[in-house]
PDB file of N, CA and C in Angstrom:
ATOM      1  N   MET A   1      19.310  41.112 -56.565  1.00  0.00           N
ATOM      2  CA  MET A   1      20.230  40.516 -55.604  1.00  0.00           C
ATOM      3  C   MET A   1      20.746  39.201 -56.166  1.00  0.00           C
ATOM      4  N   GLU A   2      22.028  39.050 -56.203  1.00  0.00           N
ATOM      5  CA  GLU A   2      22.635  37.819 -56.680  1.00  0.00           C
ATOM      6  C   GLU A   2      23.171  37.035 -55.499  1.00  0.00           C
ATOM      7  N   GLY A   3      22.381  36.891 -54.470  1.00  0.00           N
ATOM      8  CA  GLY A   3      22.846  36.260 -53.243  1.00  0.00           C
ATOM      9  C   GLY A   3      22.472  34.808 -53.119  1.00  0.00           C
ATOM     10  N   TRP A   4      22.531  34.058 -54.217  1.00  0.00           N
ATOM     11  CA  TRP A   4      22.138  32.649 -54.136  1.00  0.00           C
ATOM     12  C   TRP A   4      22.998  31.862 -53.162  1.00  0.00           C
ATOM     13  N   PRO A   5      24.312  32.154 -53.017  1.00  0.00           N
ATOM     14  CA  PRO A   5      25.063  31.394 -52.006  1.00  0.00           C
ATOM     15  C   PRO A   5      24.551  31.652 -50.582  1.00  0.00           C
ATOM     16  N   VAL A   6      24.153  32.889 -50.331  1.00  0.00           N
ATOM     17  CA  VAL A   6      23.622  33.213 -49.005  1.00  0.00           C
ATOM     18  C   VAL A   6      22.277  32.528 -48.796  1.00  0.00           C
ATOM     19  N   LEU A   7      21.450  32.497 -49.821  1.00  0.00           N
ATOM     20  CA  LEU A   7      20.156  31.820 -49.704  1.00  0.00           C
ATOM     21  C   LEU A   7      20.328  30.328 -49.437  1.00  0.00           C
ATOM     22  N   ILE A   8      21.245  29.702 -50.135  1.00  0.00           N
ATOM     23  CA  ILE A   8      21.501  28.274 -49.894  1.00  0.00           C
ATOM     24  C   ILE A   8      22.032  28.082 -48.480  1.00  0.00           C
ATOM     25  N   ALA A   9      22.929  28.961 -48.057  1.00  0.00           N
ATOM     26  CA  ALA A   9      23.464  28.863 -46.693  1.00  0.00           C
ATOM     27  C   ALA A   9      22.358  29.044 -45.660  1.00  0.00           C
ATOM     28  N   LEU A  10      21.431  29.944 -45.917  1.00  0.00           N
ATOM     29  CA  LEU A  10      20.306  30.121 -44.996  1.00  0.00           C
ATOM     30  C   LEU A  10      19.439  28.870 -44.932  1.00  0.00           C
ATOM     31  N   ARG A  11      19.224  28.234 -46.069  1.00  0.00           N
ATOM     32  CA  ARG A  11      18.417  27.006 -46.080  1.00  0.00           C
ATOM     33  C   ARG A  11      19.117  25.878 -45.333  1.00  0.00           C
ATOM     34  N   LEU A  12      20.431  25.877 -45.331  1.00  0.00           N
ATOM     35  CA  LEU A  12      21.182  24.840 -44.618  1.00  0.00           C
ATOM     36  C   LEU A  12      21.334  25.152 -43.132  1.00  0.00           C
ATOM     37  N   SER A  13      21.052  26.378 -42.753  1.00  0.00           N
ATOM     38  CA  SER A  13      21.202  26.775 -41.350  1.00  0.00           C
ATOM     39  C   SER A  13      19.961  26.369 -40.554  1.00  0.00           C
ATOM     40  N   PRO A  14      20.062  26.405 -39.223  1.00  0.00           N
ATOM     41  CA  PRO A  14      18.911  26.018 -38.401  1.00  0.00           C
ATOM     42  C   PRO A  14      17.852  27.111 -38.255  1.00  0.00           C
ATOM     43  N   VAL A  15      17.913  28.145 -39.062  1.00  0.00           N
ATOM     44  CA  VAL A  15      16.913  29.208 -39.020  1.00  0.00           C
ATOM     45  C   VAL A  15      15.589  28.646 -39.539  1.00  0.00           C
ATOM     46  N   PRO A  16      14.480  28.920 -38.832  1.00  0.00           N
ATOM     47  CA  PRO A  16      13.178  28.396 -39.282  1.00  0.00           C
ATOM     48  C   PRO A  16      12.833  28.863 -40.699  1.00  0.00           C
ATOM     49  N   THR A  17      12.274  27.970 -41.473  1.00  0.00           N
ATOM     50  CA  THR A  17      11.930  28.242 -42.867  1.00  0.00           C
ATOM     51  C   THR A  17      10.966  29.413 -42.990  1.00  0.00           C
ATOM     52  N   VAL A  18      10.007  29.504 -42.090  1.00  0.00           N
ATOM     53  CA  VAL A  18       9.025  30.588 -42.148  1.00  0.00           C
ATOM     54  C   VAL A  18       9.715  31.944 -42.032  1.00  0.00           C
ATOM     55  N   LEU A  19      10.686  32.042 -41.152  1.00  0.00           N
ATOM     56  CA  LEU A  19      11.413  33.297 -40.972  1.00  0.00           C
ATOM     57  C   LEU A  19      12.210  33.652 -42.228  1.00  0.00           C
ATOM     58  N   ILE A  20      12.863  32.661 -42.819  1.00  0.00           N
ATOM     59  CA  ILE A  20      13.621  32.903 -44.055  1.00  0.00           C
ATOM     60  C   ILE A  20      12.677  33.368 -45.159  1.00  0.00           C
ATOM     61  N   ASN A  21      11.524  32.706 -45.286  1.00  0.00           N
ATOM     62  CA  ASN A  21      10.552  33.090 -46.313  1.00  0.00           C
ATOM     63  C   ASN A  21      10.098  34.537 -46.127  1.00  0.00           C
ATOM     64  N   TYR A  22       9.820  34.913 -44.890  1.00  0.00           N
ATOM     65  CA  TYR A  22       9.354  36.274 -44.606  1.00  0.00           C
ATOM     66  C   TYR A  22      10.425  37.306 -44.954  1.00  0.00           C
ATOM     67  N   VAL A  23      11.650  37.063 -44.515  1.00  0.00           N
ATOM     68  CA  VAL A  23      12.744  38.003 -44.783  1.00  0.00           C
ATOM     69  C   VAL A  23      13.008  38.109 -46.283  1.00  0.00           C
ATOM     70  N   MET A  24      12.990  36.983 -46.972  1.00  0.00           N
ATOM     71  CA  MET A  24      13.247  37.015 -48.417  1.00  0.00           C
ATOM     72  C   MET A  24      12.113  37.698 -49.177  1.00  0.00           C
ATOM     73  N   SER A  25      10.890  37.662 -48.635  1.00  0.00           N
ATOM     74  CA  SER A  25       9.792  38.372 -49.302  1.00  0.00           C
ATOM     75  C   SER A  25       9.980  39.885 -49.195  1.00  0.00           C
ATOM     76  N   LEU A  26      10.663  40.328 -48.152  1.00  0.00           N
ATOM     77  CA  LEU A  26      10.939  41.760 -47.988  1.00  0.00           C
ATOM     78  C   LEU A  26      12.179  42.206 -48.760  1.00  0.00           C
ATOM     79  N   ALA A  27      13.073  41.279 -49.043  1.00  0.00           N
ATOM     80  CA  ALA A  27      14.321  41.609 -49.739  1.00  0.00           C
ATOM     81  C   ALA A  27      14.094  41.643 -51.250  1.00  0.00           C
ATOM     82  N   ASP A  28      15.046  42.229 -51.929  1.00  0.00           N
ATOM     83  CA  ASP A  28      14.982  42.310 -53.389  1.00  0.00           C
ATOM     84  C   ASP A  28      15.632  41.059 -53.975  1.00  0.00           C
ATOM     85  N   VAL A  29      14.867  39.961 -53.972  1.00  0.00           N
ATOM     86  CA  VAL A  29      15.384  38.681 -54.449  1.00  0.00           C
ATOM     87  C   VAL A  29      14.587  38.261 -55.678  1.00  0.00           C
ATOM     88  N   ASN A  30      15.294  37.916 -56.723  1.00  0.00           N
ATOM     89  CA  ASN A  30      14.669  37.408 -57.937  1.00  0.00           C
ATOM     90  C   ASN A  30      13.951  36.101 -57.613  1.00  0.00           C
ATOM     91  N   VAL A  31      12.746  35.931 -58.123  1.00  0.00           N
ATOM     92  CA  VAL A  31      11.953  34.734 -57.833  1.00  0.00           C
ATOM     93  C   VAL A  31      12.672  33.479 -58.315  1.00  0.00           C
ATOM     94  N   ARG A  32      13.292  33.538 -59.467  1.00  0.00           N
ATOM     95  CA  ARG A  32      14.005  32.374 -60.002  1.00  0.00           C
ATOM     96  C   ARG A  32      15.185  31.993 -59.099  1.00  0.00           C
ATOM     97  N   VAL A  33      15.952  32.993 -58.665  1.00  0.00           N
ATOM     98  CA  VAL A  33      17.080  32.748 -57.759  1.00  0.00           C
ATOM     99  C   VAL A  33      16.568  32.163 -56.451  1.00  0.00           C
ATOM    100  N   TYR A  34      15.485  32.729 -55.927  1.00  0.00           N
ATOM    101  CA  TYR A  34      14.902  32.236 -54.677  1.00  0.00           C
ATOM    102  C   TYR A  34      14.458  30.781 -54.814  1.00  0.00           C
ATOM    103  N   PHE A  35      13.773  30.467 -55.898  1.00  0.00           N
ATOM    104  CA  PHE A  35      13.250  29.114 -56.102  1.00  0.00           C
ATOM    105  C   PHE A  35      14.376  28.086 -56.181  1.00  0.00           C
ATOM    106  N   PHE A  36      15.353  28.338 -57.042  1.00  0.00           N
ATOM    107  CA  PHE A  36      16.420  27.354 -57.231  1.00  0.00           C
ATOM    108  C   PHE A  36      17.352  27.266 -56.017  1.00  0.00           C
ATOM    109  N   SER A  37      17.582  28.370 -55.343  1.00  0.00           N
ATOM    110  CA  SER A  37      18.397  28.334 -54.126  1.00  0.00           C
ATOM    111  C   SER A  37      17.689  27.557 -53.023  1.00  0.00           C
ATOM    112  N   THR A  38      16.388  27.756 -52.906  1.00  0.00           N
ATOM    113  CA  THR A  38      15.612  27.010 -51.915  1.00  0.00           C
ATOM    114  C   THR A  38      15.630  25.526 -52.234  1.00  0.00           C
ATOM    115  N   ALA A  39      15.442  25.185 -53.497  1.00  0.00           N
ATOM    116  CA  ALA A  39      15.462  23.770 -53.888  1.00  0.00           C
ATOM    117  C   ALA A  39      16.820  23.142 -53.589  1.00  0.00           C
ATOM    118  N   ALA A  40      17.886  23.830 -53.947  1.00  0.00           N
ATOM    119  CA  ALA A  40      19.232  23.291 -53.705  1.00  0.00           C
ATOM    120  C   ALA A  40      19.532  23.180 -52.215  1.00  0.00           C
ATOM    121  N   GLY A  41      19.047  24.123 -51.432  1.00  0.00           N
ATOM    122  CA  GLY A  41      19.295  24.098 -49.999  1.00  0.00           C
ATOM    123  C   GLY A  41      18.500  23.043 -49.257  1.00  0.00           C
ATOM    124  N   MET A  42      17.383  22.602 -49.834  1.00  0.00           N
ATOM    125  CA  MET A  42      16.541  21.610 -49.155  1.00  0.00           C
ATOM    126  C   MET A  42      16.891  20.174 -49.534  1.00  0.00           C
ATOM    127  N   VAL A  43      17.577  19.978 -50.641  1.00  0.00           N
ATOM    128  CA  VAL A  43      17.909  18.628 -51.108  1.00  0.00           C
ATOM    129  C   VAL A  43      18.670  17.803 -50.066  1.00  0.00           C
ATOM    130  N   PRO A  44      19.703  18.340 -49.416  1.00  0.00           N
ATOM    131  CA  PRO A  44      20.426  17.511 -48.442  1.00  0.00           C
ATOM    132  C   PRO A  44      19.541  16.995 -47.308  1.00  0.00           C
ATOM    133  N   PHE A  45      18.622  17.824 -46.822  1.00  0.00           N
ATOM    134  CA  PHE A  45      17.750  17.394 -45.733  1.00  0.00           C
ATOM    135  C   PHE A  45      16.741  16.351 -46.206  1.00  0.00           C
ATOM    136  N   LEU A  46      16.270  16.508 -47.436  1.00  0.00           N
ATOM    137  CA  LEU A  46      15.357  15.507 -47.988  1.00  0.00           C
ATOM    138  C   LEU A  46      16.067  14.169 -48.164  1.00  0.00           C
ATOM    139  N   LEU A  47      17.296  14.198 -48.655  1.00  0.00           N
ATOM    140  CA  LEU A  47      18.058  12.952 -48.811  1.00  0.00           C
ATOM    141  C   LEU A  47      18.289  12.269 -47.470  1.00  0.00           C
ATOM    142  N   ARG A  48      18.594  13.064 -46.454  1.00  0.00           N
ATOM    143  CA  ARG A  48      18.801  12.489 -45.127  1.00  0.00           C
ATOM    144  C   ARG A  48      17.523  11.824 -44.618  1.00  0.00           C
ATOM    145  N   ALA A  49      16.392  12.481 -44.790  1.00  0.00           N
ATOM    146  CA  ALA A  49      15.123  11.909 -44.338  1.00  0.00           C
ATOM    147  C   ALA A  49      14.799  10.628 -45.098  1.00  0.00           C
ATOM    148  N   ILE A  50      15.060  10.618 -46.394  1.00  0.00           N
ATOM    149  CA  ILE A  50      14.808   9.421 -47.201  1.00  0.00           C
ATOM    150  C   ILE A  50      15.707   8.275 -46.758  1.00  0.00           C
ATOM    151  N   LEU A  51      16.981   8.562 -46.529  1.00  0.00           N
ATOM    152  CA  LEU A  51      17.911   7.511 -46.105  1.00  0.00           C
ATOM    153  C   LEU A  51      17.534   6.932 -44.746  1.00  0.00           C
ATOM    154  N   PHE A  52      17.175   7.797 -43.799  1.00  0.00           N
ATOM    155  CA  PHE A  52      16.771   7.290 -42.488  1.00  0.00           C
ATOM    156  C   PHE A  52      15.470   6.498 -42.582  1.00  0.00           C
ATOM    157  N   GLY A  53      14.544   6.954 -43.400  1.00  0.00           N
ATOM    158  CA  GLY A  53      13.290   6.219 -43.576  1.00  0.00           C
ATOM    159  C   GLY A  53      13.510   4.853 -44.198  1.00  0.00           C
ATOM    160  N   ALA A  54      14.362   4.796 -45.210  1.00  0.00           N
ATOM    161  CA  ALA A  54      14.660   3.507 -45.846  1.00  0.00           C
ATOM    162  C   ALA A  54      15.348   2.567 -44.868  1.00  0.00           C
ATOM    163  N   ALA A  55      16.253   3.098 -44.068  1.00  0.00           N
ATOM    164  CA  ALA A  55      16.947   2.258 -43.083  1.00  0.00           C
ATOM    165  C   ALA A  55      15.983   1.758 -42.019  1.00  0.00           C
ATOM    166  N   ALA A  56      15.087   2.617 -41.570  1.00  0.00           N
ATOM    167  CA  ALA A  56      14.114   2.202 -40.553  1.00  0.00           C
ATOM    168  C   ALA A  56      13.185   1.120 -41.099  1.00  0.00           C
ATOM    169  N   ARG A  57      12.770   1.259 -42.336  1.00  0.00           N
ATOM    170  CA  ARG A  57      11.907   0.239 -42.937  1.00  0.00           C
ATOM    171  C   ARG A  57      12.632  -1.097 -43.045  1.00  0.00           C
ATOM    172  N   ARG A  58      13.885  -1.045 -43.419  1.00  0.00           N
ATOM    173  CA  ARG A  58      14.659  -2.277 -43.563  1.00  0.00           C
ATOM    174  C   ARG A  58      14.903  -2.953 -42.212  1.00  0.00           C
ATOM    175  N   VAL A  59      15.056  -2.168 -41.173  1.00  0.00           N
ATOM    176  CA  VAL A  59      15.272  -2.748 -39.850  1.00  0.00           C
ATOM    177  C   VAL A  59      14.033  -3.512 -39.395  1.00  0.00           C
ATOM    178  N   THR A  60      12.862  -3.024 -39.746  1.00  0.00           N
ATOM    179  CA  THR A  60      11.623  -3.670 -39.302  1.00  0.00           C
ATOM    180  C   THR A  60      11.207  -4.836 -40.187  1.00  0.00           C
ATOM    181  N   ASP A  61      11.834  -5.011 -41.333  1.00  0.00           N
ATOM    182  CA  ASP A  61      11.481  -6.108 -42.240  1.00  0.00           C
ATOM    183  C   ASP A  61      12.448  -7.272 -42.035  1.00  0.00           C
ATOM    184  N   PRO A  62      11.959  -8.393 -41.486  1.00  0.00           N
ATOM    185  CA  PRO A  62      12.853  -9.520 -41.203  1.00  0.00           C
ATOM    186  C   PRO A  62      13.334 -10.262 -42.454  1.00  0.00           C
ATOM    187  N   ASN A  63      12.727 -10.008 -43.593  1.00  0.00           N
ATOM    188  CA  ASN A  63      13.097 -10.714 -44.820  1.00  0.00           C
ATOM    189  C   ASN A  63      14.265 -10.065 -45.566  1.00  0.00           C
ATOM    190  N   ILE A  64      14.747  -8.964 -45.067  1.00  0.00           N
ATOM    191  CA  ILE A  64      15.819  -8.240 -45.755  1.00  0.00           C
ATOM    192  C   ILE A  64      17.145  -8.527 -45.059  1.00  0.00           C
ATOM    193  N   ASP A  65      18.183  -8.710 -45.856  1.00  0.00           N
ATOM    194  CA  ASP A  65      19.523  -9.006 -45.350  1.00  0.00           C
ATOM    195  C   ASP A  65      20.025  -7.872 -44.453  1.00  0.00           C
ATOM    196  N   SER A  66      20.601  -8.214 -43.324  1.00  0.00           N
ATOM    197  CA  SER A  66      21.061  -7.199 -42.372  1.00  0.00           C
ATOM    198  C   SER A  66      22.268  -6.422 -42.893  1.00  0.00           C
ATOM    199  N   LYS A  67      23.042  -6.995 -43.814  1.00  0.00           N
ATOM    200  CA  LYS A  67      24.185  -6.259 -44.369  1.00  0.00           C
ATOM    201  C   LYS A  67      23.711  -5.033 -45.137  1.00  0.00           C
ATOM    202  N   VAL A  68      22.646  -5.202 -45.889  1.00  0.00           N
ATOM    203  CA  VAL A  68      22.095  -4.077 -46.647  1.00  0.00           C
ATOM    204  C   VAL A  68      21.600  -3.001 -45.686  1.00  0.00           C
ATOM    205  N   THR A  69      20.957  -3.425 -44.615  1.00  0.00           N
ATOM    206  CA  THR A  69      20.466  -2.476 -43.617  1.00  0.00           C
ATOM    207  C   THR A  69      21.616  -1.696 -43.004  1.00  0.00           C
ATOM    208  N   MET A  70      22.675  -2.380 -42.671  1.00  0.00           N
ATOM    209  CA  MET A  70      23.822  -1.711 -42.063  1.00  0.00           C
ATOM    210  C   MET A  70      24.461  -0.717 -43.038  1.00  0.00           C
ATOM    211  N   ILE A  71      24.480  -1.057 -44.303  1.00  0.00           N
ATOM    212  CA  ILE A  71      25.024  -0.134 -45.307  1.00  0.00           C
ATOM    213  C   ILE A  71      24.165   1.125 -45.375  1.00  0.00           C
ATOM    214  N   TRP A  72      22.840   0.947 -45.408  1.00  0.00           N
ATOM    215  CA  TRP A  72      21.937   2.095 -45.454  1.00  0.00           C
ATOM    216  C   TRP A  72      22.083   2.963 -44.211  1.00  0.00           C
ATOM    217  N   LEU A  73      22.195   2.330 -43.059  1.00  0.00           N
ATOM    218  CA  LEU A  73      22.376   3.104 -41.829  1.00  0.00           C
ATOM    219  C   LEU A  73      23.701   3.864 -41.846  1.00  0.00           C
ATOM    220  N   ALA A  74      24.748   3.234 -42.341  1.00  0.00           N
ATOM    221  CA  ALA A  74      26.048   3.904 -42.427  1.00  0.00           C
ATOM    222  C   ALA A  74      25.976   5.104 -43.373  1.00  0.00           C
ATOM    223  N   VAL A  75      25.294   4.935 -44.493  1.00  0.00           N
ATOM    224  CA  VAL A  75      25.139   6.043 -45.439  1.00  0.00           C
ATOM    225  C   VAL A  75      24.340   7.173 -44.795  1.00  0.00           C
ATOM    226  N   ALA A  76      23.280   6.829 -44.074  1.00  0.00           N
ATOM    227  CA  ALA A  76      22.459   7.847 -43.414  1.00  0.00           C
ATOM    228  C   ALA A  76      23.268   8.616 -42.369  1.00  0.00           C
ATOM    229  N   VAL A  77      24.067   7.914 -41.600  1.00  0.00           N
ATOM    230  CA  VAL A  77      24.908   8.583 -40.602  1.00  0.00           C
ATOM    231  C   VAL A  77      25.937   9.473 -41.301  1.00  0.00           C
ATOM    232  N   PHE A  78      26.526   8.990 -42.379  1.00  0.00           N
ATOM    233  CA  PHE A  78      27.499   9.776 -43.135  1.00  0.00           C
ATOM    234  C   PHE A  78      26.865  11.065 -43.662  1.00  0.00           C
ATOM    235  N   VAL A  79      25.669  10.955 -44.231  1.00  0.00           N
ATOM    236  CA  VAL A  79      24.980  12.139 -44.758  1.00  0.00           C
ATOM    237  C   VAL A  79      24.693  13.128 -43.631  1.00  0.00           C
ATOM    238  N   THR A  80      24.314  12.623 -42.463  1.00  0.00           N
ATOM    239  CA  THR A  80      24.055  13.499 -41.325  1.00  0.00           C
ATOM    240  C   THR A  80      25.316  14.247 -40.906  1.00  0.00           C
ATOM    241  N   VAL A  81      26.439  13.556 -40.868  1.00  0.00           N
ATOM    242  CA  VAL A  81      27.705  14.198 -40.504  1.00  0.00           C
ATOM    243  C   VAL A  81      28.081  15.254 -41.544  1.00  0.00           C
ATOM    244  N   VAL A  82      27.915  14.927 -42.807  1.00  0.00           N
ATOM    245  CA  VAL A  82      28.224  15.890 -43.871  1.00  0.00           C
ATOM    246  C   VAL A  82      27.320  17.117 -43.747  1.00  0.00           C
ATOM    247  N   LEU A  83      26.032  16.899 -43.477  1.00  0.00           N
ATOM    248  CA  LEU A  83      25.116  18.030 -43.316  1.00  0.00           C
ATOM    249  C   LEU A  83      25.520  18.912 -42.140  1.00  0.00           C
ATOM    250  N   ALA A  84      25.970  18.302 -41.071  1.00  0.00           N
ATOM    251  CA  ALA A  84      26.414  19.084 -39.916  1.00  0.00           C
ATOM    252  C   ALA A  84      27.613  19.951 -40.291  1.00  0.00           C
ATOM    253  N   ARG A  85      28.541  19.384 -41.047  1.00  0.00           N
ATOM    254  CA  ARG A  85      29.719  20.156 -41.477  1.00  0.00           C
ATOM    255  C   ARG A  85      29.317  21.278 -42.436  1.00  0.00           C
ATOM    256  N   VAL A  86      28.402  20.991 -43.355  1.00  0.00           N
ATOM    257  CA  VAL A  86      27.948  22.012 -44.301  1.00  0.00           C
ATOM    258  C   VAL A  86      27.222  23.128 -43.555  1.00  0.00           C
ATOM    259  N   ALA A  87      26.395  22.766 -42.582  1.00  0.00           N
ATOM    260  CA  ALA A  87      25.680  23.782 -41.804  1.00  0.00           C
ATOM    261  C   ALA A  87      26.651  24.657 -41.023  1.00  0.00           C
ATOM    262  N   THR A  88      27.709  24.058 -40.489  1.00  0.00           N
ATOM    263  CA  THR A  88      28.716  24.835 -39.765  1.00  0.00           C
ATOM    264  C   THR A  88      29.412  25.812 -40.703  1.00  0.00           C
ATOM    265  N   ARG A  89      29.751  25.353 -41.880  1.00  0.00           N
ATOM    266  CA  ARG A  89      30.388  26.243 -42.866  1.00  0.00           C
ATOM    267  C   ARG A  89      29.420  27.329 -43.325  1.00  0.00           C
ATOM    268  N   ALA A  90      28.144  26.961 -43.490  1.00  0.00           N
ATOM    269  CA  ALA A  90      27.144  27.947 -43.901  1.00  0.00           C
ATOM    270  C   ALA A  90      26.999  29.030 -42.840  1.00  0.00           C
ATOM    271  N   LYS A  91      27.014  28.622 -41.588  1.00  0.00           N
ATOM    272  CA  LYS A  91      26.925  29.599 -40.497  1.00  0.00           C
ATOM    273  C   LYS A  91      28.121  30.539 -40.525  1.00  0.00           C
ATOM    274  N   ALA A  92      29.305  29.994 -40.732  1.00  0.00           N
ATOM    275  CA  ALA A  92      30.508  30.829 -40.811  1.00  0.00           C
ATOM    276  C   ALA A  92      30.419  31.789 -41.993  1.00  0.00           C
ATOM    277  N   MET A  93      29.873  31.318 -43.106  1.00  0.00           N
ATOM    278  CA  MET A  93      29.729  32.158 -44.293  1.00  0.00           C
ATOM    279  C   MET A  93      28.758  33.304 -44.020  1.00  0.00           C
ATOM    280  N   ILE A  94      27.662  32.996 -43.334  1.00  0.00           N
ATOM    281  CA  ILE A  94      26.684  34.033 -43.000  1.00  0.00           C
ATOM    282  C   ILE A  94      27.309  35.054 -42.058  1.00  0.00           C
ATOM    283  N   GLU A  95      28.085  34.590 -41.095  1.00  0.00           N
ATOM    284  CA  GLU A  95      28.727  35.510 -40.158  1.00  0.00           C
ATOM    285  C   GLU A  95      29.768  36.386 -40.846  1.00  0.00           C
ATOM    286  N   ARG A  96      30.418  35.868 -41.891  1.00  0.00           N
ATOM    287  CA  ARG A  96      31.369  36.694 -42.648  1.00  0.00           C
ATOM    288  C   ARG A  96      30.635  37.786 -43.403  1.00  0.00           C
ATOM    289  N   VAL A  97      29.471  37.435 -43.955  1.00  0.00           N
ATOM    290  CA  VAL A  97      28.692  38.413 -44.712  1.00  0.00           C
ATOM    291  C   VAL A  97      28.098  39.453 -43.772  1.00  0.00           C
ATOM    292  N   GLU A  98      27.581  38.988 -42.646  1.00  0.00           N
ATOM    293  CA  GLU A  98      26.945  39.883 -41.683  1.00  0.00           C
ATOM    294  C   GLU A  98      27.408  39.500 -40.282  1.00  0.00           C
ATOM    295  N   PRO A  99      28.428  40.200 -39.742  1.00  0.00           N
ATOM    296  CA  PRO A  99      28.942  39.847 -38.414  1.00  0.00           C
ATOM    297  C   PRO A  99      27.851  39.993 -37.352  1.00  0.00           C
ATOM    298  N   PRO A 100      27.884  39.153 -36.307  1.00  0.00           N
ATOM    299  CA  PRO A 100      26.866  39.239 -35.261  1.00  0.00           C
ATOM    300  C   PRO A 100      26.949  40.569 -34.516  1.00  0.00           C
ATOM    301  N   ALA A 101      25.793  41.098 -34.143  1.00  0.00           N
ATOM    302  CA  ALA A 101      25.743  42.366 -33.410  1.00  0.00           C
ATOM    303  C   ALA A 101      26.257  42.164 -31.990  1.00  0.00           C
ATOM    304  N   GLU A 102      27.007  43.151 -31.532  1.00  0.00           N
ATOM    305  CA  GLU A 102      27.564  43.040 -30.172  1.00  0.00           C
ATOM    306  C   GLU A 102      26.965  44.052 -29.257  1.00  0.00           C
TER     307      GLU A 102
END
């Protein structure tokens, strides 16, 4: 299966990771494709968590300039908005591949 775009889209979607892992274990997916698609699909969420964590730490530290904190918060919000747009596109891509049952 050469479905790495679908795997990345699944990782970006709100589908629980455990369910994706189970379904992919039943599918004919190359381990290398699965590994790299999973890694690529998880990077945006990890970056968002890191940005929010860094911003939260800076907010609680009175010795750090507030301009830097505001920049980090703005970047974190921007990444969140981008992730929402990517997830919406991923959902549309999944629906094109497999239309919802009626």
